[in-house]
Amino acid sequence: MNLKFCFLKFDHIKILSDALRHNKTLVKLDLSNNGLTPRVGSYLIEALMENIYLSEINFHGNQLNDAFAEHLALLL
């Protein structure tokens, strides 16, 4: 699923996170260049902890910090 340059808002990320928790078919997700912040990213990290199907995700070009990167590394 390609969602790059969609300028997703917090409400969109909450909906996406909820969907990722129950996902069994999506394997690739591109969230690049959406201006995502670490606060918003934390919702995605929590959802990804429950998702075993997604194998590729792109966060390029967002406003994510080192703490987000640490959480993502632990997840992986």
N, C-alpha and C. Protein backbone atom coordinates (compact mmCIF):
# COMPACT_ATOMS: atom_id res chain seq x y z
N MET A 1 0.85 -1.16 0.00
CA MET A 1 0.00 0.00 0.00
C MET A 1 0.91 1.23 0.00
N ASN A 2 0.64 2.12 -0.89
CA ASN A 2 1.44 3.34 -1.04
C ASN A 2 0.67 4.54 -0.48
N LEU A 3 1.15 5.06 0.64
CA LEU A 3 0.54 6.24 1.24
C LEU A 3 1.54 7.39 1.35
N LYS A 4 2.56 7.38 0.48
CA LYS A 4 3.54 8.46 0.56
C LYS A 4 2.93 9.77 0.06
N PHE A 5 3.40 10.85 0.66
CA PHE A 5 2.94 12.21 0.35
C PHE A 5 1.42 12.37 0.51
N CYS A 6 0.82 11.64 1.44
CA CYS A 6 -0.62 11.79 1.70
C CYS A 6 -0.88 12.78 2.84
N PHE A 7 0.17 13.20 3.52
CA PHE A 7 0.05 14.15 4.64
C PHE A 7 -1.01 13.69 5.63
N LEU A 8 -0.82 12.46 6.10
CA LEU A 8 -1.75 11.83 7.02
C LEU A 8 -1.83 12.58 8.34
N LYS A 9 -3.01 12.75 8.84
CA LYS A 9 -3.26 13.40 10.12
C LYS A 9 -3.29 12.34 11.22
N PHE A 10 -3.31 12.79 12.47
CA PHE A 10 -3.31 11.90 13.62
C PHE A 10 -4.48 10.91 13.57
N ASP A 11 -5.66 11.39 13.21
CA ASP A 11 -6.83 10.51 13.13
C ASP A 11 -6.64 9.42 12.08
N HIS A 12 -5.99 9.76 10.97
CA HIS A 12 -5.72 8.77 9.93
C HIS A 12 -4.79 7.68 10.45
N ILE A 13 -3.77 8.10 11.19
CA ILE A 13 -2.80 7.15 11.73
C ILE A 13 -3.45 6.23 12.76
N LYS A 14 -4.36 6.77 13.56
CA LYS A 14 -5.08 5.94 14.53
C LYS A 14 -5.89 4.86 13.81
N ILE A 15 -6.56 5.23 12.75
CA ILE A 15 -7.34 4.27 11.97
C ILE A 15 -6.43 3.23 11.33
N LEU A 16 -5.33 3.70 10.75
CA LEU A 16 -4.36 2.79 10.12
C LEU A 16 -3.77 1.84 11.15
N SER A 17 -3.44 2.35 12.32
CA SER A 17 -2.87 1.51 13.38
C SER A 17 -3.84 0.42 13.80
N ASP A 18 -5.09 0.79 13.96
CA ASP A 18 -6.10 -0.20 14.31
C ASP A 18 -6.21 -1.28 13.23
N ALA A 19 -6.17 -0.87 11.99
CA ALA A 19 -6.24 -1.83 10.88
C ALA A 19 -5.01 -2.74 10.85
N LEU A 20 -3.84 -2.19 11.15
CA LEU A 20 -2.61 -2.99 11.14
C LEU A 20 -2.64 -4.07 12.22
N ARG A 21 -3.31 -3.79 13.32
CA ARG A 21 -3.40 -4.78 14.40
C ARG A 21 -4.13 -6.05 13.94
N HIS A 22 -5.03 -5.91 12.98
CA HIS A 22 -5.84 -7.04 12.53
C HIS A 22 -5.48 -7.50 11.12
N ASN A 23 -4.49 -6.87 10.52
CA ASN A 23 -4.09 -7.16 9.15
C ASN A 23 -3.56 -8.59 9.00
N LYS A 24 -3.98 -9.25 7.93
CA LYS A 24 -3.44 -10.57 7.60
C LYS A 24 -3.03 -10.66 6.14
N THR A 25 -3.15 -9.55 5.40
CA THR A 25 -2.84 -9.61 3.96
C THR A 25 -1.82 -8.56 3.52
N LEU A 26 -1.78 -7.42 4.15
CA LEU A 26 -0.86 -6.36 3.74
C LEU A 26 0.57 -6.73 4.12
N VAL A 27 1.48 -6.70 3.14
CA VAL A 27 2.88 -7.06 3.41
C VAL A 27 3.84 -5.89 3.19
N LYS A 28 3.41 -4.85 2.50
CA LYS A 28 4.28 -3.71 2.20
C LYS A 28 3.50 -2.41 2.41
N LEU A 29 4.11 -1.47 3.15
CA LEU A 29 3.46 -0.20 3.45
C LEU A 29 4.46 0.94 3.30
N ASP A 30 4.13 1.93 2.51
CA ASP A 30 4.99 3.10 2.30
C ASP A 30 4.33 4.32 2.94
N LEU A 31 4.92 4.79 4.03
CA LEU A 31 4.44 5.98 4.73
C LEU A 31 5.43 7.14 4.59
N SER A 32 6.25 7.11 3.58
CA SER A 32 7.28 8.12 3.42
C SER A 32 6.70 9.51 3.13
N ASN A 33 7.44 10.50 3.61
CA ASN A 33 7.13 11.92 3.35
C ASN A 33 5.72 12.33 3.75
N ASN A 34 5.34 11.96 4.97
CA ASN A 34 4.05 12.33 5.51
C ASN A 34 4.16 13.29 6.69
N GLY A 35 5.37 13.67 7.08
CA GLY A 35 5.54 14.56 8.22
C GLY A 35 5.18 13.91 9.54
N LEU A 36 5.30 12.58 9.62
CA LEU A 36 4.96 11.87 10.85
C LEU A 36 5.90 12.29 11.98
N THR A 37 5.33 12.47 13.16
CA THR A 37 6.11 12.84 14.34
C THR A 37 6.30 11.61 15.23
N PRO A 38 7.22 11.68 16.19
CA PRO A 38 7.42 10.54 17.09
C PRO A 38 6.15 10.15 17.85
N ARG A 39 5.34 11.12 18.23
CA ARG A 39 4.07 10.82 18.94
C ARG A 39 3.17 9.96 18.07
N VAL A 40 3.04 10.34 16.82
CA VAL A 40 2.21 9.58 15.89
C VAL A 40 2.86 8.22 15.60
N GLY A 41 4.18 8.23 15.49
CA GLY A 41 4.90 6.99 15.22
C GLY A 41 4.72 5.95 16.31
N SER A 42 4.52 6.41 17.55
CA SER A 42 4.35 5.46 18.66
C SER A 42 3.09 4.61 18.47
N TYR A 43 2.04 5.17 17.88
CA TYR A 43 0.84 4.39 17.59
C TYR A 43 1.15 3.29 16.58
N LEU A 44 1.96 3.62 15.61
CA LEU A 44 2.32 2.63 14.60
C LEU A 44 3.18 1.52 15.20
N ILE A 45 4.13 1.89 16.06
CA ILE A 45 4.99 0.89 16.70
C ILE A 45 4.15 -0.10 17.50
N GLU A 46 3.20 0.41 18.28
CA GLU A 46 2.34 -0.47 19.07
C GLU A 46 1.55 -1.43 18.18
N ALA A 47 1.04 -0.93 17.07
CA ALA A 47 0.28 -1.77 16.15
C ALA A 47 1.19 -2.80 15.49
N LEU A 48 2.40 -2.39 15.14
CA LEU A 48 3.32 -3.31 14.47
C LEU A 48 3.78 -4.43 15.38
N MET A 49 3.72 -4.21 16.69
CA MET A 49 4.08 -5.27 17.64
C MET A 49 3.12 -6.45 17.53
N GLU A 50 1.91 -6.19 17.09
CA GLU A 50 0.89 -7.23 16.97
C GLU A 50 0.78 -7.78 15.56
N ASN A 51 1.48 -7.19 14.61
CA ASN A 51 1.36 -7.56 13.21
C ASN A 51 2.55 -8.42 12.79
N ILE A 52 2.28 -9.65 12.39
CA ILE A 52 3.36 -10.54 11.95
C ILE A 52 3.40 -10.69 10.43
N TYR A 53 2.51 -10.03 9.74
CA TYR A 53 2.40 -10.18 8.29
C TYR A 53 3.13 -9.11 7.49
N LEU A 54 3.18 -7.91 8.02
CA LEU A 54 3.84 -6.80 7.31
C LEU A 54 5.35 -7.04 7.30
N SER A 55 5.94 -7.11 6.13
CA SER A 55 7.36 -7.41 6.03
C SER A 55 8.20 -6.23 5.56
N GLU A 56 7.55 -5.18 5.04
CA GLU A 56 8.29 -4.03 4.53
C GLU A 56 7.52 -2.75 4.85
N ILE A 57 8.22 -1.78 5.46
CA ILE A 57 7.60 -0.49 5.76
C ILE A 57 8.63 0.61 5.52
N ASN A 58 8.18 1.72 4.95
CA ASN A 58 9.06 2.83 4.62
C ASN A 58 8.64 4.07 5.40
N PHE A 59 9.55 4.58 6.24
CA PHE A 59 9.30 5.79 7.02
C PHE A 59 10.14 6.97 6.52
N HIS A 60 10.76 6.86 5.39
CA HIS A 60 11.66 7.90 4.87
C HIS A 60 10.97 9.27 4.80
N GLY A 61 11.71 10.30 5.13
CA GLY A 61 11.24 11.67 4.95
C GLY A 61 10.22 12.13 5.97
N ASN A 62 10.18 11.49 7.13
CA ASN A 62 9.28 11.92 8.19
C ASN A 62 10.08 12.61 9.29
N GLN A 63 9.42 13.12 10.30
CA GLN A 63 10.09 13.86 11.37
C GLN A 63 10.28 12.98 12.60
N LEU A 64 10.74 11.77 12.38
CA LEU A 64 10.91 10.81 13.46
C LEU A 64 12.29 10.97 14.09
N ASN A 65 12.38 10.75 15.40
CA ASN A 65 13.63 11.00 16.11
C ASN A 65 14.34 9.71 16.50
N ASP A 66 15.42 9.86 17.25
CA ASP A 66 16.23 8.71 17.66
C ASP A 66 15.45 7.75 18.55
N ALA A 67 14.60 8.27 19.42
CA ALA A 67 13.80 7.41 20.30
C ALA A 67 12.88 6.52 19.47
N PHE A 68 12.28 7.08 18.43
CA PHE A 68 11.44 6.27 17.53
C PHE A 68 12.29 5.19 16.88
N ALA A 69 13.49 5.54 16.43
CA ALA A 69 14.37 4.58 15.78
C ALA A 69 14.74 3.46 16.74
N GLU A 70 14.96 3.77 18.00
CA GLU A 70 15.26 2.74 19.00
C GLU A 70 14.09 1.78 19.16
N HIS A 71 12.88 2.33 19.27
CA HIS A 71 11.70 1.49 19.42
C HIS A 71 11.50 0.61 18.18
N LEU A 72 11.74 1.17 17.03
CA LEU A 72 11.61 0.40 15.78
C LEU A 72 12.66 -0.71 15.74
N ALA A 73 13.89 -0.39 16.15
CA ALA A 73 14.95 -1.41 16.17
C ALA A 73 14.61 -2.55 17.12
N LEU A 74 14.07 -2.23 18.28
CA LEU A 74 13.67 -3.27 19.24
C LEU A 74 12.55 -4.13 18.66
N LEU A 75 11.66 -3.50 17.96
CA LEU A 75 10.55 -4.22 17.33
C LEU A 75 11.06 -5.22 16.32
N LEU A 76 12.03 -4.79 15.52
CA LEU A 76 12.57 -5.66 14.48
C LEU A 76 13.35 -6.80 15.09
